[in-house]
Structure formats: C-alpha cells, structure tokens
Amino acid sequence: QRQASDAISEAGRFLDSTEFRFKEREGLPMVVDFEPLLLALDEKRAALLGLAGSKFARLGAAAAAQAQRIDGVADCVESLRAAQAKFAALRRLLRGVEPTTLDPAERRRFEVAAGRFEAAVARLAEEKRIGAVLDFDDYREFFPRLTQQFESAERALGKFVEEKRRKTPRFYLLGDAELLDFLGSKNPSSSLDQVVEKMFPGSVGLILSGSQVVGIRSSLG
C-alpha cells in the first residue's frame, strides 16, 4: 500500500513541478521538447493504470483519478503541439503579406485565433508547470479549436496561392513562402530578381532599365 500511495503522490508532484521548456522564436515564446514530456506522461499514466485495479478500493480510486489528470495533461500537450505547429507555419507564410491575400473574414478569424494562442502560451510561460493546462476553460477542446481555426486559414491561403498559380504556371516552381513573399512585396522587381532562377531555369538575373524589368539574362550569355 505504501508503494502504491507513493506512486500516486509522485504523479501529482510530477504535474505540479515539471515545467514546460520554452525557446523564443521571432519574439514569441514557443514550447520545445514535446517528445520527452509526452513520453514521461505516458510512463506515469501506465504506472497509475496498473494501480487502478488495486484490491484496496481507496488506492484504486485515487490512482484512477490521478491517471485521469495525467491523461488530460497529455491530451492538452499533444494538442498544444499541433496548434503551435500550425500557428508557426501560418505566421511565417503571412509575414509581410498584404492583408488582401486572405478573405477579410478569414484573416480576422486567424488574427483572433492567433491572439488567443499567443496569450495562452504567454500564460503557460508564466506558470511554467505542465499541470497549468488543466486550468484552461474547457481545456480538452481549447487547443484543438485553435488548430481548426488555423487549418481554416491554411485552406483559404492554399486556395489563394493555387488561383495565382493557375493564372501564372511558372509560380508552380516556387514554394508557398517564396510565392507569398513575392506577391506581397512592395518592390516586385527586386523580389523577382531573387526568384528568377527558379521561375526561369537557365537564367541568372534580370535586365533592368531603371526600375523596370526589360529582359532576363541567360546563363549562356
């Protein structure tokens, strides 16, 4: 009984003392090292589930309750990882892009979701302990809902990019980030000079007359 009781107490201490690790990226704190944390949570959960069937009813109930807490934290951490990945990817793609790139309503939804995500991660960075995710309202759905909103913006952005590529097939030679940077540039000539070799294989640069593009320089001279 003593060993079982200690294991249950250790699981509680684990949630209250284990901290998220953060790394600042582009001015925002981002959670890192998800895998070791999720592995540790799985190990704690497995140990508690083994105790949940204890012949001592009180210990079994306590182990089951603690396992449920561990399970909730693990679900939140996994969904946080998914939301953060979508947020970071979209943030990189939309950096410096003109607001008209996304439908206004879709962009507004993304901005609201991004603001909620940033506030949530800032709160976790302040709290640090992993058990803090259980303090979010409707904690099992909080990050999945944000992921859904980010995916909606991602689909809208993909539709915008595909429309541009259908009109200008050479845009298929550029990655999404490169294409959005080019389309959002306030100086298209300068941006084209950076991607011309990909859009026109065998070229080495632009021929300019002032700020106007008048030709493309071939690698053959």
C-alpha atoms as a PDB file:
ATOM      1  CA  GLN A   1       0.000   0.000   0.000  1.00  0.00           C
ATOM      2  CA  ARG A   2       2.807   2.387   0.867  1.00  0.00           C
ATOM      3  CA  GLN A   3       4.488   1.953  -2.536  1.00  0.00           C
ATOM      4  CA  ALA A   4       1.184   2.493  -4.327  1.00  0.00           C
ATOM      5  CA  SER A   5       0.440   5.592  -2.285  1.00  0.00           C
ATOM      6  CA  ASP A   6       3.912   6.965  -3.020  1.00  0.00           C
ATOM      7  CA  ALA A   7       3.432   6.385  -6.752  1.00  0.00           C
ATOM      8  CA  ILE A   8       0.156   8.307  -6.702  1.00  0.00           C
ATOM      9  CA  SER A   9       1.737  11.180  -4.786  1.00  0.00           C
ATOM     10  CA  GLU A  10       4.709  11.207  -7.155  1.00  0.00           C
ATOM     11  CA  ALA A  11       2.374  11.578 -10.128  1.00  0.00           C
ATOM     12  CA  GLY A  12       0.794  14.620  -8.511  1.00  0.00           C
ATOM     13  CA  ARG A  13       4.178  16.148  -7.775  1.00  0.00           C
ATOM     14  CA  PHE A  14       5.202  15.467 -11.365  1.00  0.00           C
ATOM     15  CA  LEU A  15       2.309  17.566 -12.686  1.00  0.00           C
ATOM     16  CA  ASP A  16       2.955  20.360 -10.214  1.00  0.00           C
ATOM     17  CA  SER A  17       6.733  20.534 -10.518  1.00  0.00           C
ATOM     18  CA  THR A  18       7.560  19.566 -14.098  1.00  0.00           C
ATOM     19  CA  GLU A  19       7.861  22.659 -16.284  1.00  0.00           C
ATOM     20  CA  PHE A  20       7.436  23.368 -19.946  1.00  0.00           C
ATOM     21  CA  ARG A  21      10.612  24.337 -21.752  1.00  0.00           C
ATOM     22  CA  PHE A  22      10.472  27.420 -23.964  1.00  0.00           C
ATOM     23  CA  LYS A  23      12.583  28.943 -26.684  1.00  0.00           C
ATOM     24  CA  GLU A  24      11.994  32.416 -28.071  1.00  0.00           C
ATOM     25  CA  ARG A  25      11.310  32.426 -31.789  1.00  0.00           C
ATOM     26  CA  GLU A  26      10.727  35.667 -33.656  1.00  0.00           C
ATOM     27  CA  GLY A  27       9.900  37.477 -30.438  1.00  0.00           C
ATOM     28  CA  LEU A  28       7.449  34.897 -29.090  1.00  0.00           C
ATOM     29  CA  PRO A  29       7.968  32.099 -26.551  1.00  0.00           C
ATOM     30  CA  MET A  30       7.422  28.670 -28.096  1.00  0.00           C
ATOM     31  CA  VAL A  31       7.231  25.354 -26.285  1.00  0.00           C
ATOM     32  CA  VAL A  32      10.041  22.920 -27.165  1.00  0.00           C
ATOM     33  CA  ASP A  33      10.981  19.324 -26.287  1.00  0.00           C
ATOM     34  CA  PHE A  34       7.487  17.862 -26.568  1.00  0.00           C
ATOM     35  CA  GLU A  35       8.626  14.262 -27.098  1.00  0.00           C
ATOM     36  CA  PRO A  36      10.414  13.709 -23.741  1.00  0.00           C
ATOM     37  CA  LEU A  37       7.483  15.291 -21.920  1.00  0.00           C
ATOM     38  CA  LEU A  38       4.882  13.145 -23.667  1.00  0.00           C
ATOM     39  CA  LEU A  39       6.967  10.028 -23.044  1.00  0.00           C
ATOM     40  CA  ALA A  40       7.215  10.838 -19.317  1.00  0.00           C
ATOM     41  CA  LEU A  41       3.444  11.421 -19.163  1.00  0.00           C
ATOM     42  CA  ASP A  42       2.797   8.070 -20.838  1.00  0.00           C
ATOM     43  CA  GLU A  43       5.020   6.309 -18.313  1.00  0.00           C
ATOM     44  CA  LYS A  44       3.241   7.952 -15.370  1.00  0.00           C
ATOM     45  CA  ARG A  45      -0.166   7.096 -16.818  1.00  0.00           C
ATOM     46  CA  ALA A  46       0.775   3.445 -17.395  1.00  0.00           C
ATOM     47  CA  ALA A  47       2.014   3.105 -13.806  1.00  0.00           C
ATOM     48  CA  LEU A  48      -1.180   4.610 -12.406  1.00  0.00           C
ATOM     49  CA  LEU A  49      -3.445   2.463 -14.558  1.00  0.00           C
ATOM     50  CA  GLY A  50      -1.635  -0.549 -13.160  1.00  0.00           C
ATOM     51  CA  LEU A  51      -2.606   0.604  -9.673  1.00  0.00           C
ATOM     52  CA  ALA A  52      -6.191   1.491 -10.588  1.00  0.00           C
ATOM     53  CA  GLY A  53      -7.178  -2.175 -10.242  1.00  0.00           C
ATOM     54  CA  SER A  54      -5.815  -2.397  -6.703  1.00  0.00           C
ATOM     55  CA  LYS A  55      -7.721  -4.575  -4.287  1.00  0.00           C
ATOM     56  CA  PHE A  56      -7.661  -1.581  -1.961  1.00  0.00           C
ATOM     57  CA  ALA A  57     -10.631   0.451  -3.202  1.00  0.00           C
ATOM     58  CA  ARG A  58      -9.386   3.813  -1.935  1.00  0.00           C
ATOM     59  CA  LEU A  59      -5.988   3.410  -3.565  1.00  0.00           C
ATOM     60  CA  GLY A  60      -7.560   2.189  -6.785  1.00  0.00           C
ATOM     61  CA  ALA A  61      -9.875   5.198  -6.942  1.00  0.00           C
ATOM     62  CA  ALA A  62      -7.032   7.629  -6.183  1.00  0.00           C
ATOM     63  CA  ALA A  63      -4.841   6.055  -8.875  1.00  0.00           C
ATOM     64  CA  ALA A  64      -7.667   6.233 -11.423  1.00  0.00           C
ATOM     65  CA  ALA A  65      -8.317   9.899 -10.611  1.00  0.00           C
ATOM     66  CA  GLN A  66      -4.634  10.783 -10.917  1.00  0.00           C
ATOM     67  CA  ALA A  67      -4.396   8.824 -14.176  1.00  0.00           C
ATOM     68  CA  GLN A  68      -7.290  10.897 -15.485  1.00  0.00           C
ATOM     69  CA  ARG A  69      -5.391  14.099 -14.662  1.00  0.00           C
ATOM     70  CA  ILE A  70      -2.271  12.781 -16.377  1.00  0.00           C
ATOM     71  CA  ASP A  71      -4.378  11.801 -19.386  1.00  0.00           C
ATOM     72  CA  GLY A  72      -5.877  15.306 -19.562  1.00  0.00           C
ATOM     73  CA  VAL A  73      -2.462  16.946 -19.454  1.00  0.00           C
ATOM     74  CA  ALA A  74      -1.100  14.574 -22.124  1.00  0.00           C
ATOM     75  CA  ASP A  75      -4.044  15.350 -24.427  1.00  0.00           C
ATOM     76  CA  CYS A  76      -3.522  19.083 -23.918  1.00  0.00           C
ATOM     77  CA  VAL A  77       0.220  18.884 -24.556  1.00  0.00           C
ATOM     78  CA  GLU A  78      -0.355  16.907 -27.765  1.00  0.00           C
ATOM     79  CA  SER A  79      -2.981  19.377 -28.997  1.00  0.00           C
ATOM     80  CA  LEU A  80      -0.745  22.297 -27.991  1.00  0.00           C
ATOM     81  CA  ARG A  81       1.998  20.845 -30.171  1.00  0.00           C
ATOM     82  CA  ALA A  82      -0.396  20.577 -33.136  1.00  0.00           C
ATOM     83  CA  ALA A  83      -1.733  24.125 -32.669  1.00  0.00           C
ATOM     84  CA  GLN A  84       1.757  25.585 -32.284  1.00  0.00           C
ATOM     85  CA  ALA A  85       2.965  23.898 -35.482  1.00  0.00           C
ATOM     86  CA  LYS A  86       0.029  25.315 -37.481  1.00  0.00           C
ATOM     87  CA  PHE A  87       0.407  28.752 -35.905  1.00  0.00           C
ATOM     88  CA  ALA A  88       4.149  28.951 -36.594  1.00  0.00           C
ATOM     89  CA  ALA A  89       3.768  27.815 -40.206  1.00  0.00           C
ATOM     90  CA  LEU A  90       0.985  30.304 -40.949  1.00  0.00           C
ATOM     91  CA  ARG A  91       2.812  33.107 -39.181  1.00  0.00           C
ATOM     92  CA  ARG A  92       5.856  32.538 -41.396  1.00  0.00           C
ATOM     93  CA  LEU A  93       3.736  32.431 -44.554  1.00  0.00           C
ATOM     94  CA  LEU A  94       1.704  35.533 -43.720  1.00  0.00           C
ATOM     95  CA  ARG A  95       4.628  37.671 -42.534  1.00  0.00           C
ATOM     96  CA  GLY A  96       4.731  40.798 -44.671  1.00  0.00           C
ATOM     97  CA  VAL A  97       1.941  39.596 -46.969  1.00  0.00           C
ATOM     98  CA  GLU A  98      -0.699  42.118 -47.985  1.00  0.00           C
ATOM     99  CA  PRO A  99      -3.977  41.834 -45.998  1.00  0.00           C
ATOM    100  CA  THR A 100      -5.894  41.168 -49.248  1.00  0.00           C
ATOM    101  CA  THR A 101      -4.158  37.792 -49.532  1.00  0.00           C
ATOM    102  CA  LEU A 102      -6.841  36.258 -47.300  1.00  0.00           C
ATOM    103  CA  ASP A 103     -10.565  36.832 -47.314  1.00  0.00           C
ATOM    104  CA  PRO A 104     -11.153  39.602 -44.702  1.00  0.00           C
ATOM    105  CA  ALA A 105     -13.380  37.402 -42.556  1.00  0.00           C
ATOM    106  CA  GLU A 106     -10.888  34.532 -42.727  1.00  0.00           C
ATOM    107  CA  ARG A 107      -7.971  36.804 -41.869  1.00  0.00           C
ATOM    108  CA  ARG A 108      -9.906  38.215 -38.934  1.00  0.00           C
ATOM    109  CA  ARG A 109     -10.616  34.699 -37.643  1.00  0.00           C
ATOM    110  CA  PHE A 110      -6.919  33.865 -37.956  1.00  0.00           C
ATOM    111  CA  GLU A 111      -5.899  37.027 -36.108  1.00  0.00           C
ATOM    112  CA  VAL A 112      -8.351  36.297 -33.272  1.00  0.00           C
ATOM    113  CA  ALA A 113      -7.155  32.683 -33.026  1.00  0.00           C
ATOM    114  CA  ALA A 114      -3.504  33.778 -33.183  1.00  0.00           C
ATOM    115  CA  GLY A 115      -4.115  36.293 -30.395  1.00  0.00           C
ATOM    116  CA  ARG A 116      -5.728  33.620 -28.223  1.00  0.00           C
ATOM    117  CA  PHE A 117      -2.862  31.222 -28.918  1.00  0.00           C
ATOM    118  CA  GLU A 118      -0.199  33.813 -28.083  1.00  0.00           C
ATOM    119  CA  ALA A 119      -1.998  34.704 -24.850  1.00  0.00           C
ATOM    120  CA  ALA A 120      -2.294  31.036 -23.883  1.00  0.00           C
ATOM    121  CA  VAL A 121       1.406  30.340 -24.482  1.00  0.00           C
ATOM    122  CA  ALA A 122       2.363  33.519 -22.598  1.00  0.00           C
ATOM    123  CA  ARG A 123       0.246  32.282 -19.693  1.00  0.00           C
ATOM    124  CA  LEU A 124       1.984  28.891 -19.776  1.00  0.00           C
ATOM    125  CA  ALA A 125       5.388  30.604 -19.964  1.00  0.00           C
ATOM    126  CA  GLU A 126       4.492  32.499 -16.803  1.00  0.00           C
ATOM    127  CA  GLU A 127       3.027  29.473 -14.987  1.00  0.00           C
ATOM    128  CA  LYS A 128       5.662  27.076 -16.374  1.00  0.00           C
ATOM    129  CA  ARG A 129       4.247  23.935 -14.716  1.00  0.00           C
ATOM    130  CA  ILE A 130       2.647  21.474 -17.115  1.00  0.00           C
ATOM    131  CA  GLY A 131      -0.363  20.992 -14.862  1.00  0.00           C
ATOM    132  CA  ALA A 132      -1.392  24.576 -15.665  1.00  0.00           C
ATOM    133  CA  VAL A 133      -3.036  23.373 -18.893  1.00  0.00           C
ATOM    134  CA  LEU A 134      -5.814  21.908 -16.740  1.00  0.00           C
ATOM    135  CA  ASP A 135      -6.722  25.432 -15.629  1.00  0.00           C
ATOM    136  CA  PHE A 136      -7.874  26.459 -19.113  1.00  0.00           C
ATOM    137  CA  ASP A 137     -11.633  26.634 -19.601  1.00  0.00           C
ATOM    138  CA  ASP A 138     -12.783  23.520 -21.473  1.00  0.00           C
ATOM    139  CA  TYR A 139      -9.128  22.503 -21.522  1.00  0.00           C
ATOM    140  CA  ARG A 140      -9.526  19.395 -23.696  1.00  0.00           C
ATOM    141  CA  GLU A 141     -11.040  21.463 -26.518  1.00  0.00           C
ATOM    142  CA  PHE A 142      -9.106  24.731 -26.180  1.00  0.00           C
ATOM    143  CA  PHE A 143      -6.112  23.959 -28.400  1.00  0.00           C
ATOM    144  CA  PRO A 144      -7.981  21.671 -30.841  1.00  0.00           C
ATOM    145  CA  ARG A 145     -10.383  24.546 -31.588  1.00  0.00           C
ATOM    146  CA  LEU A 146      -7.436  26.850 -32.311  1.00  0.00           C
ATOM    147  CA  THR A 147      -5.930  24.199 -34.591  1.00  0.00           C
ATOM    148  CA  GLN A 148      -9.204  24.017 -36.529  1.00  0.00           C
ATOM    149  CA  GLN A 149      -9.195  27.791 -36.992  1.00  0.00           C
ATOM    150  CA  PHE A 150      -5.588  27.743 -38.164  1.00  0.00           C
ATOM    151  CA  GLU A 151      -6.404  24.938 -40.611  1.00  0.00           C
ATOM    152  CA  SER A 152      -9.292  27.006 -41.992  1.00  0.00           C
ATOM    153  CA  ALA A 153      -6.906  29.911 -42.657  1.00  0.00           C
ATOM    154  CA  GLU A 154      -4.400  27.459 -44.149  1.00  0.00           C
ATOM    155  CA  ARG A 155      -7.016  26.175 -46.608  1.00  0.00           C
ATOM    156  CA  ALA A 156      -8.006  29.719 -47.590  1.00  0.00           C
ATOM    157  CA  LEU A 157      -4.365  30.629 -48.129  1.00  0.00           C
ATOM    158  CA  GLY A 158      -3.846  27.475 -50.199  1.00  0.00           C
ATOM    159  CA  LYS A 159      -6.823  28.412 -52.369  1.00  0.00           C
ATOM    160  CA  PHE A 160      -5.385  31.912 -52.923  1.00  0.00           C
ATOM    161  CA  VAL A 161      -1.971  30.514 -53.886  1.00  0.00           C
ATOM    162  CA  GLU A 162      -3.477  27.913 -56.230  1.00  0.00           C
ATOM    163  CA  GLU A 163      -5.510  30.585 -58.044  1.00  0.00           C
ATOM    164  CA  LYS A 164      -2.334  32.609 -58.632  1.00  0.00           C
ATOM    165  CA  ARG A 165      -0.511  29.524 -59.919  1.00  0.00           C
ATOM    166  CA  ARG A 166      -3.275  28.629 -62.341  1.00  0.00           C
ATOM    167  CA  LYS A 167      -3.042  32.110 -63.825  1.00  0.00           C
ATOM    168  CA  THR A 168       0.773  32.076 -63.901  1.00  0.00           C
ATOM    169  CA  PRO A 169       2.021  28.464 -64.197  1.00  0.00           C
ATOM    170  CA  ARG A 170       5.646  29.443 -63.531  1.00  0.00           C
ATOM    171  CA  PHE A 171       4.565  30.151 -59.949  1.00  0.00           C
ATOM    172  CA  TYR A 172       4.406  26.355 -59.521  1.00  0.00           C
ATOM    173  CA  LEU A 173       8.214  26.465 -59.498  1.00  0.00           C
ATOM    174  CA  LEU A 174       8.166  28.439 -56.242  1.00  0.00           C
ATOM    175  CA  GLY A 175       7.367  27.234 -52.741  1.00  0.00           C
ATOM    176  CA  ASP A 176       4.406  28.760 -50.923  1.00  0.00           C
ATOM    177  CA  ALA A 177       6.583  31.013 -48.754  1.00  0.00           C
ATOM    178  CA  GLU A 178       8.600  32.279 -51.728  1.00  0.00           C
ATOM    179  CA  LEU A 179       5.467  32.941 -53.766  1.00  0.00           C
ATOM    180  CA  LEU A 180       3.711  34.799 -50.958  1.00  0.00           C
ATOM    181  CA  ASP A 181       6.823  36.883 -50.306  1.00  0.00           C
ATOM    182  CA  PHE A 182       6.932  37.783 -53.980  1.00  0.00           C
ATOM    183  CA  LEU A 183       3.202  38.574 -54.252  1.00  0.00           C
ATOM    184  CA  GLY A 184       3.301  40.655 -51.076  1.00  0.00           C
ATOM    185  CA  SER A 185       6.410  42.609 -51.986  1.00  0.00           C
ATOM    186  CA  LYS A 186       6.189  46.365 -52.398  1.00  0.00           C
ATOM    187  CA  ASN A 187       9.067  46.115 -54.886  1.00  0.00           C
ATOM    188  CA  PRO A 188       8.196  43.306 -57.358  1.00  0.00           C
ATOM    189  CA  SER A 189      11.292  43.888 -59.492  1.00  0.00           C
ATOM    190  CA  SER A 190      13.582  43.342 -56.524  1.00  0.00           C
ATOM    191  CA  SER A 191      11.606  40.273 -55.420  1.00  0.00           C
ATOM    192  CA  LEU A 192      11.615  38.796 -58.930  1.00  0.00           C
ATOM    193  CA  ASP A 193      15.391  39.137 -59.059  1.00  0.00           C
ATOM    194  CA  GLN A 194      15.578  36.797 -56.047  1.00  0.00           C
ATOM    195  CA  VAL A 195      13.421  34.043 -57.594  1.00  0.00           C
ATOM    196  CA  VAL A 196      14.099  34.475 -61.319  1.00  0.00           C
ATOM    197  CA  GLU A 197      16.469  31.482 -61.485  1.00  0.00           C
ATOM    198  CA  LYS A 198      13.741  29.190 -60.164  1.00  0.00           C
ATOM    199  CA  MET A 199      10.982  30.615 -62.324  1.00  0.00           C
ATOM    200  CA  PHE A 200      13.141  30.680 -65.454  1.00  0.00           C
ATOM    201  CA  PRO A 201      15.670  27.808 -65.313  1.00  0.00           C
ATOM    202  CA  GLY A 202      18.891  28.730 -67.098  1.00  0.00           C
ATOM    203  CA  SER A 203      18.607  32.399 -66.209  1.00  0.00           C
ATOM    204  CA  VAL A 204      20.994  34.279 -63.943  1.00  0.00           C
ATOM    205  CA  GLY A 205      19.221  37.562 -63.331  1.00  0.00           C
ATOM    206  CA  LEU A 206      17.148  40.396 -64.703  1.00  0.00           C
ATOM    207  CA  ILE A 207      17.894  43.053 -67.269  1.00  0.00           C
ATOM    208  CA  LEU A 208      16.670  46.349 -65.854  1.00  0.00           C
ATOM    209  CA  SER A 209      16.067  49.767 -67.302  1.00  0.00           C
ATOM    210  CA  GLY A 210      15.868  51.943 -64.231  1.00  0.00           C
ATOM    211  CA  SER A 211      13.392  50.111 -62.031  1.00  0.00           C
ATOM    212  CA  GLN A 212      11.665  48.376 -64.943  1.00  0.00           C
ATOM    213  CA  VAL A 213      12.326  44.773 -65.952  1.00  0.00           C
ATOM    214  CA  VAL A 214      13.042  44.669 -69.708  1.00  0.00           C
ATOM    215  CA  GLY A 215      14.504  41.183 -70.015  1.00  0.00           C
ATOM    216  CA  ILE A 216      16.048  38.149 -68.395  1.00  0.00           C
ATOM    217  CA  ARG A 217      19.767  37.391 -68.556  1.00  0.00           C
ATOM    218  CA  SER A 218      20.580  33.872 -69.722  1.00  0.00           C
ATOM    219  CA  SER A 219      23.328  31.772 -68.160  1.00  0.00           C
ATOM    220  CA  LEU A 220      24.598  31.245 -71.724  1.00  0.00           C
ATOM    221  CA  GLY A 221      25.220  34.936 -72.115  1.00  0.00           C
END
